[in-house]
Amino acid sequence: MHNIGTREFITALLLGLLHSLFTLFIVFSSIWVCVALWVQQPFGWLGSRILIGIWIAFALSMAGLYVEGHIISRRTDILIYLLAFACSLVWYFSITARQDRDWNPEVANMLSYEKHGDVITLHNVRNFNWHPDGTYDVRWETRTFDLNQLNGINIIASYWMGPQIAHTLVSFEFTNQQPLVFSIEIRKEKTEEFFGNRWFF
């Protein structure tokens, strides 16, 4: 049996820990990249899926799960992977939000405002008339609010699908005027629908 010294043991332990941490980094970063490519499809449906396959094969090789050995050398493989991941981060976080999609009618318009002193005019305030069968009458309004007339703020939680899921709304109460309610919602396109607590497209 080969005996190793304390220094060699600690070095081997640290290298093993470092390898394990890097393997976890490869796994989770690859999942993130593949999901980003799947959703954004920067090279079209087919091109993006081919790139996902290439990325998975290289990541498995890096993790030592797919093939024995490495494509070039361990150090070069690591540098290539880190560079590719850095490029994917730059690409993803440089994506600008688009407002020219075919939105569902209830989220078709964007709120805008004008402020003159303490008076604020809001354009495209949604005040739809909702029917029990889920249909609605489209109604967008322009409203003017005097901030000096603000007399209360309420936070409302609208629960559905049990106590774990709620939609949070903030309501601003004004004297002699309808309340103004804000909420943060997913902006769905016409081809996208909710199913239970999930979002499908």
C-alpha atoms as a PDB file:
ATOM      1  CA  MET A   1       0.000   0.000   0.000  1.00  0.00           C
ATOM      2  CA  HIS A   2       1.376   3.377  -1.014  1.00  0.00           C
ATOM      3  CA  ASN A   3       1.629   5.884   1.815  1.00  0.00           C
ATOM      4  CA  ILE A   4       1.356   9.605   1.047  1.00  0.00           C
ATOM      5  CA  GLY A   5       2.364  12.504   3.216  1.00  0.00           C
ATOM      6  CA  THR A   6       0.050  15.077   4.742  1.00  0.00           C
ATOM      7  CA  ARG A   7       0.936  17.702   2.127  1.00  0.00           C
ATOM      8  CA  GLU A   8       0.207  15.344  -0.762  1.00  0.00           C
ATOM      9  CA  PHE A   9      -3.076  14.314   0.836  1.00  0.00           C
ATOM     10  CA  ILE A  10      -4.224  17.918   1.332  1.00  0.00           C
ATOM     11  CA  THR A  11      -3.163  18.813  -2.217  1.00  0.00           C
ATOM     12  CA  ALA A  12      -5.087  15.858  -3.649  1.00  0.00           C
ATOM     13  CA  LEU A  13      -8.116  16.740  -1.523  1.00  0.00           C
ATOM     14  CA  LEU A  14      -8.096  20.378  -2.657  1.00  0.00           C
ATOM     15  CA  LEU A  15      -7.686  19.379  -6.297  1.00  0.00           C
ATOM     16  CA  GLY A  16     -10.592  16.957  -5.967  1.00  0.00           C
ATOM     17  CA  LEU A  17     -12.749  19.639  -4.363  1.00  0.00           C
ATOM     18  CA  LEU A  18     -11.797  22.134  -7.068  1.00  0.00           C
ATOM     19  CA  HIS A  19     -12.643  19.601  -9.775  1.00  0.00           C
ATOM     20  CA  SER A  20     -16.013  18.895  -8.151  1.00  0.00           C
ATOM     21  CA  LEU A  21     -16.865  22.595  -7.888  1.00  0.00           C
ATOM     22  CA  PHE A  22     -15.866  23.195 -11.498  1.00  0.00           C
ATOM     23  CA  THR A  23     -17.959  20.220 -12.592  1.00  0.00           C
ATOM     24  CA  LEU A  24     -20.971  21.702 -10.775  1.00  0.00           C
ATOM     25  CA  PHE A  25     -20.269  25.027 -12.467  1.00  0.00           C
ATOM     26  CA  ILE A  26     -20.244  23.300 -15.866  1.00  0.00           C
ATOM     27  CA  VAL A  27     -23.537  21.519 -15.142  1.00  0.00           C
ATOM     28  CA  PHE A  28     -25.475  24.559 -13.938  1.00  0.00           C
ATOM     29  CA  SER A  29     -23.984  27.016 -16.442  1.00  0.00           C
ATOM     30  CA  SER A  30     -24.728  24.584 -19.280  1.00  0.00           C
ATOM     31  CA  ILE A  31     -28.336  24.228 -18.152  1.00  0.00           C
ATOM     32  CA  TRP A  32     -28.662  28.020 -18.140  1.00  0.00           C
ATOM     33  CA  VAL A  33     -27.091  28.395 -21.604  1.00  0.00           C
ATOM     34  CA  CYS A  34     -29.228  25.634 -23.128  1.00  0.00           C
ATOM     35  CA  VAL A  35     -32.447  27.091 -21.701  1.00  0.00           C
ATOM     36  CA  ALA A  36     -31.477  30.553 -22.978  1.00  0.00           C
ATOM     37  CA  LEU A  37     -30.787  29.165 -26.458  1.00  0.00           C
ATOM     38  CA  TRP A  38     -34.021  27.143 -26.409  1.00  0.00           C
ATOM     39  CA  VAL A  39     -36.151  30.161 -25.481  1.00  0.00           C
ATOM     40  CA  GLN A  40     -34.426  32.893 -27.498  1.00  0.00           C
ATOM     41  CA  GLN A  41     -33.514  30.803 -30.583  1.00  0.00           C
ATOM     42  CA  PRO A  42     -30.878  33.272 -31.877  1.00  0.00           C
ATOM     43  CA  PHE A  43     -30.022  31.032 -34.870  1.00  0.00           C
ATOM     44  CA  GLY A  44     -33.554  29.915 -35.695  1.00  0.00           C
ATOM     45  CA  TRP A  45     -35.293  26.718 -34.607  1.00  0.00           C
ATOM     46  CA  LEU A  46     -32.832  24.253 -36.171  1.00  0.00           C
ATOM     47  CA  GLY A  47     -29.588  26.186 -35.739  1.00  0.00           C
ATOM     48  CA  SER A  48     -30.223  26.846 -32.054  1.00  0.00           C
ATOM     49  CA  ARG A  49     -30.945  23.179 -31.367  1.00  0.00           C
ATOM     50  CA  ILE A  50     -27.772  22.112 -33.173  1.00  0.00           C
ATOM     51  CA  LEU A  51     -25.814  24.565 -31.031  1.00  0.00           C
ATOM     52  CA  ILE A  52     -27.488  23.169 -27.897  1.00  0.00           C
ATOM     53  CA  GLY A  53     -26.372  19.659 -28.909  1.00  0.00           C
ATOM     54  CA  ILE A  54     -22.795  20.826 -29.476  1.00  0.00           C
ATOM     55  CA  TRP A  55     -22.747  22.623 -26.142  1.00  0.00           C
ATOM     56  CA  ILE A  56     -24.077  19.579 -24.269  1.00  0.00           C
ATOM     57  CA  ALA A  57     -21.506  17.273 -25.902  1.00  0.00           C
ATOM     58  CA  PHE A  58     -18.635  19.619 -25.023  1.00  0.00           C
ATOM     59  CA  ALA A  59     -19.921  20.147 -21.456  1.00  0.00           C
ATOM     60  CA  LEU A  60     -20.205  16.392 -20.894  1.00  0.00           C
ATOM     61  CA  SER A  61     -16.686  15.952 -22.224  1.00  0.00           C
ATOM     62  CA  MET A  62     -15.469  18.667 -19.869  1.00  0.00           C
ATOM     63  CA  ALA A  63     -17.179  16.962 -16.945  1.00  0.00           C
ATOM     64  CA  GLY A  64     -15.609  13.645 -17.907  1.00  0.00           C
ATOM     65  CA  LEU A  65     -19.003  11.998 -18.358  1.00  0.00           C
ATOM     66  CA  TYR A  66     -19.166  11.630 -22.120  1.00  0.00           C
ATOM     67  CA  VAL A  67     -15.714  10.675 -23.370  1.00  0.00           C
ATOM     68  CA  GLU A  68     -12.469   9.790 -21.702  1.00  0.00           C
ATOM     69  CA  GLY A  69      -9.854  12.439 -22.136  1.00  0.00           C
ATOM     70  CA  HIS A  70     -10.346  15.861 -23.634  1.00  0.00           C
ATOM     71  CA  ILE A  71     -10.714  17.455 -27.048  1.00  0.00           C
ATOM     72  CA  ILE A  72      -7.393  19.316 -26.992  1.00  0.00           C
ATOM     73  CA  SER A  73      -5.916  19.612 -23.517  1.00  0.00           C
ATOM     74  CA  ARG A  74      -7.465  20.118 -20.116  1.00  0.00           C
ATOM     75  CA  ARG A  75      -6.264  23.693 -19.803  1.00  0.00           C
ATOM     76  CA  THR A  76      -7.294  24.627 -23.345  1.00  0.00           C
ATOM     77  CA  ASP A  77     -10.704  22.989 -22.870  1.00  0.00           C
ATOM     78  CA  ILE A  78     -11.283  25.035 -19.716  1.00  0.00           C
ATOM     79  CA  LEU A  79     -10.279  28.275 -21.427  1.00  0.00           C
ATOM     80  CA  ILE A  80     -12.541  27.528 -24.413  1.00  0.00           C
ATOM     81  CA  TYR A  81     -15.480  26.753 -22.130  1.00  0.00           C
ATOM     82  CA  LEU A  82     -15.009  29.858 -19.982  1.00  0.00           C
ATOM     83  CA  LEU A  83     -14.681  32.040 -23.080  1.00  0.00           C
ATOM     84  CA  ALA A  84     -17.801  30.500 -24.647  1.00  0.00           C
ATOM     85  CA  PHE A  85     -19.764  30.967 -21.426  1.00  0.00           C
ATOM     86  CA  ALA A  86     -18.599  34.584 -21.126  1.00  0.00           C
ATOM     87  CA  CYS A  87     -19.724  35.212 -24.723  1.00  0.00           C
ATOM     88  CA  SER A  88     -23.119  33.668 -23.940  1.00  0.00           C
ATOM     89  CA  LEU A  89     -23.515  36.018 -20.964  1.00  0.00           C
ATOM     90  CA  VAL A  90     -22.634  39.046 -23.103  1.00  0.00           C
ATOM     91  CA  TRP A  91     -25.109  37.887 -25.778  1.00  0.00           C
ATOM     92  CA  TYR A  92     -27.962  37.223 -23.348  1.00  0.00           C
ATOM     93  CA  PHE A  93     -27.672  40.410 -21.310  1.00  0.00           C
ATOM     94  CA  SER A  94     -27.373  42.535 -24.461  1.00  0.00           C
ATOM     95  CA  ILE A  95     -30.810  41.370 -25.682  1.00  0.00           C
ATOM     96  CA  THR A  96     -33.132  44.375 -25.722  1.00  0.00           C
ATOM     97  CA  ALA A  97     -36.792  44.091 -24.831  1.00  0.00           C
ATOM     98  CA  ARG A  98     -39.135  44.197 -27.825  1.00  0.00           C
ATOM     99  CA  GLN A  99     -42.412  46.060 -27.766  1.00  0.00           C
ATOM    100  CA  ASP A 100     -43.515  45.224 -31.321  1.00  0.00           C
ATOM    101  CA  ARG A 101     -44.988  41.779 -30.680  1.00  0.00           C
ATOM    102  CA  ASP A 102     -48.562  40.654 -31.318  1.00  0.00           C
ATOM    103  CA  TRP A 103     -49.737  41.145 -27.731  1.00  0.00           C
ATOM    104  CA  ASN A 104     -52.936  39.918 -26.129  1.00  0.00           C
ATOM    105  CA  PRO A 105     -55.514  42.741 -26.029  1.00  0.00           C
ATOM    106  CA  GLU A 106     -55.417  43.058 -22.226  1.00  0.00           C
ATOM    107  CA  VAL A 107     -51.696  43.933 -22.333  1.00  0.00           C
ATOM    108  CA  ALA A 108     -51.538  45.529 -25.780  1.00  0.00           C
ATOM    109  CA  ASN A 109     -50.917  49.095 -24.596  1.00  0.00           C
ATOM    110  CA  MET A 110     -48.079  50.474 -22.505  1.00  0.00           C
ATOM    111  CA  LEU A 111     -48.693  52.906 -19.653  1.00  0.00           C
ATOM    112  CA  SER A 112     -47.186  56.378 -20.094  1.00  0.00           C
ATOM    113  CA  TYR A 113     -47.420  59.516 -18.008  1.00  0.00           C
ATOM    114  CA  GLU A 114     -46.949  63.283 -17.861  1.00  0.00           C
ATOM    115  CA  LYS A 115     -46.083  65.126 -14.654  1.00  0.00           C
ATOM    116  CA  HIS A 116     -46.780  68.802 -14.002  1.00  0.00           C
ATOM    117  CA  GLY A 117     -45.994  69.678 -10.416  1.00  0.00           C
ATOM    118  CA  ASP A 118     -48.134  67.441  -8.215  1.00  0.00           C
ATOM    119  CA  VAL A 119     -50.514  66.557 -11.029  1.00  0.00           C
ATOM    120  CA  ILE A 120     -49.870  63.360 -13.003  1.00  0.00           C
ATOM    121  CA  THR A 121     -51.684  62.340 -16.175  1.00  0.00           C
ATOM    122  CA  LEU A 122     -51.620  58.643 -16.999  1.00  0.00           C
ATOM    123  CA  HIS A 123     -52.302  57.361 -20.494  1.00  0.00           C
ATOM    124  CA  ASN A 124     -53.479  53.809 -21.306  1.00  0.00           C
ATOM    125  CA  VAL A 125     -54.948  52.985 -17.922  1.00  0.00           C
ATOM    126  CA  ARG A 126     -56.670  49.622 -18.286  1.00  0.00           C
ATOM    127  CA  ASN A 127     -60.289  49.671 -17.102  1.00  0.00           C
ATOM    128  CA  PHE A 128     -61.750  46.654 -18.873  1.00  0.00           C
ATOM    129  CA  ASN A 129     -65.251  45.376 -18.217  1.00  0.00           C
ATOM    130  CA  TRP A 130     -64.699  41.701 -17.372  1.00  0.00           C
ATOM    131  CA  HIS A 131     -67.482  39.137 -17.835  1.00  0.00           C
ATOM    132  CA  PRO A 132     -67.976  35.891 -15.849  1.00  0.00           C
ATOM    133  CA  ASP A 133     -67.178  33.765 -18.907  1.00  0.00           C
ATOM    134  CA  GLY A 134     -63.692  35.285 -19.201  1.00  0.00           C
ATOM    135  CA  THR A 135     -64.503  37.690 -22.041  1.00  0.00           C
ATOM    136  CA  TYR A 136     -64.101  41.420 -21.657  1.00  0.00           C
ATOM    137  CA  ASP A 137     -64.849  44.790 -23.179  1.00  0.00           C
ATOM    138  CA  VAL A 138     -61.645  46.608 -24.123  1.00  0.00           C
ATOM    139  CA  ARG A 139     -61.444  50.026 -22.470  1.00  0.00           C
ATOM    140  CA  TRP A 140     -58.275  52.120 -22.175  1.00  0.00           C
ATOM    141  CA  GLU A 141     -58.520  55.454 -20.384  1.00  0.00           C
ATOM    142  CA  THR A 142     -56.546  58.609 -19.677  1.00  0.00           C
ATOM    143  CA  ARG A 143     -56.731  59.697 -16.044  1.00  0.00           C
ATOM    144  CA  THR A 144     -55.371  62.666 -14.109  1.00  0.00           C
ATOM    145  CA  PHE A 145     -54.392  62.452 -10.436  1.00  0.00           C
ATOM    146  CA  ASP A 146     -53.483  65.145  -7.929  1.00  0.00           C
ATOM    147  CA  LEU A 147     -50.902  63.697  -5.552  1.00  0.00           C
ATOM    148  CA  ASN A 148     -52.128  66.102  -2.851  1.00  0.00           C
ATOM    149  CA  GLN A 149     -55.407  64.139  -2.880  1.00  0.00           C
ATOM    150  CA  LEU A 150     -53.711  60.825  -2.099  1.00  0.00           C
ATOM    151  CA  ASN A 151     -55.170  59.520   1.156  1.00  0.00           C
ATOM    152  CA  GLY A 152     -54.233  55.857   1.341  1.00  0.00           C
ATOM    153  CA  ILE A 153     -52.262  52.940  -0.065  1.00  0.00           C
ATOM    154  CA  ASN A 154     -53.371  49.310   0.105  1.00  0.00           C
ATOM    155  CA  ILE A 155     -51.447  46.143  -0.727  1.00  0.00           C
ATOM    156  CA  ILE A 156     -53.696  43.342  -1.963  1.00  0.00           C
ATOM    157  CA  ALA A 157     -52.847  39.665  -2.466  1.00  0.00           C
ATOM    158  CA  SER A 158     -55.140  37.804  -4.850  1.00  0.00           C
ATOM    159  CA  TYR A 159     -54.746  34.055  -4.221  1.00  0.00           C
ATOM    160  CA  TRP A 160     -55.489  31.229  -6.627  1.00  0.00           C
ATOM    161  CA  MET A 161     -54.377  27.589  -6.868  1.00  0.00           C
ATOM    162  CA  GLY A 162     -54.105  27.397  -3.048  1.00  0.00           C
ATOM    163  CA  PRO A 163     -52.172  29.490  -0.521  1.00  0.00           C
ATOM    164  CA  GLN A 164     -48.813  29.196  -2.302  1.00  0.00           C
ATOM    165  CA  ILE A 165     -49.608  31.353  -5.338  1.00  0.00           C
ATOM    166  CA  ALA A 166     -50.802  34.959  -5.205  1.00  0.00           C
ATOM    167  CA  HIS A 167     -50.888  38.030  -7.419  1.00  0.00           C
ATOM    168  CA  THR A 168     -49.784  41.181  -5.567  1.00  0.00           C
ATOM    169  CA  LEU A 169     -51.469  44.504  -6.309  1.00  0.00           C
ATOM    170  CA  VAL A 170     -50.846  48.002  -4.915  1.00  0.00           C
ATOM    171  CA  SER A 171     -53.870  50.305  -4.760  1.00  0.00           C
ATOM    172  CA  PHE A 172     -53.574  54.103  -4.394  1.00  0.00           C
ATOM    173  CA  GLU A 173     -56.679  55.767  -2.937  1.00  0.00           C
ATOM    174  CA  PHE A 174     -57.569  59.348  -3.875  1.00  0.00           C
ATOM    175  CA  THR A 175     -60.212  61.698  -2.525  1.00  0.00           C
ATOM    176  CA  ASN A 176     -63.364  61.808  -4.706  1.00  0.00           C
ATOM    177  CA  GLN A 177     -61.768  59.632  -7.394  1.00  0.00           C
ATOM    178  CA  GLN A 178     -61.521  55.982  -8.396  1.00  0.00           C
ATOM    179  CA  PRO A 179     -58.515  54.156  -6.934  1.00  0.00           C
ATOM    180  CA  LEU A 180     -55.504  53.456  -9.125  1.00  0.00           C
ATOM    181  CA  VAL A 181     -54.195  49.880  -8.954  1.00  0.00           C
ATOM    182  CA  PHE A 182     -50.783  48.691 -10.156  1.00  0.00           C
ATOM    183  CA  SER A 183     -49.631  45.125 -10.643  1.00  0.00           C
ATOM    184  CA  ILE A 184     -46.758  43.376 -12.401  1.00  0.00           C
ATOM    185  CA  GLU A 185     -47.889  40.863 -15.002  1.00  0.00           C
ATOM    186  CA  ILE A 186     -46.461  38.648 -17.703  1.00  0.00           C
ATOM    187  CA  ARG A 187     -47.051  40.331 -21.024  1.00  0.00           C
ATOM    188  CA  LYS A 188     -48.513  37.527 -23.101  1.00  0.00           C
ATOM    189  CA  GLU A 189     -48.579  37.326 -26.845  1.00  0.00           C
ATOM    190  CA  LYS A 190     -51.730  36.102 -28.592  1.00  0.00           C
ATOM    191  CA  THR A 191     -50.182  32.657 -29.059  1.00  0.00           C
ATOM    192  CA  GLU A 192     -49.374  32.251 -25.347  1.00  0.00           C
ATOM    193  CA  GLU A 193     -51.718  30.948 -22.654  1.00  0.00           C
ATOM    194  CA  PHE A 194     -51.691  30.098 -18.966  1.00  0.00           C
ATOM    195  CA  PHE A 195     -52.310  26.529 -17.893  1.00  0.00           C
ATOM    196  CA  GLY A 196     -52.833  26.224 -14.137  1.00  0.00           C
ATOM    197  CA  ASN A 197     -49.843  27.936 -12.571  1.00  0.00           C
ATOM    198  CA  ARG A 198     -47.649  27.502 -15.631  1.00  0.00           C
ATOM    199  CA  TRP A 199     -47.119  29.483 -18.777  1.00  0.00           C
ATOM    200  CA  PHE A 200     -47.219  27.807 -22.190  1.00  0.00           C
ATOM    201  CA  PHE A 201     -46.589  29.139 -25.675  1.00  0.00           C
END
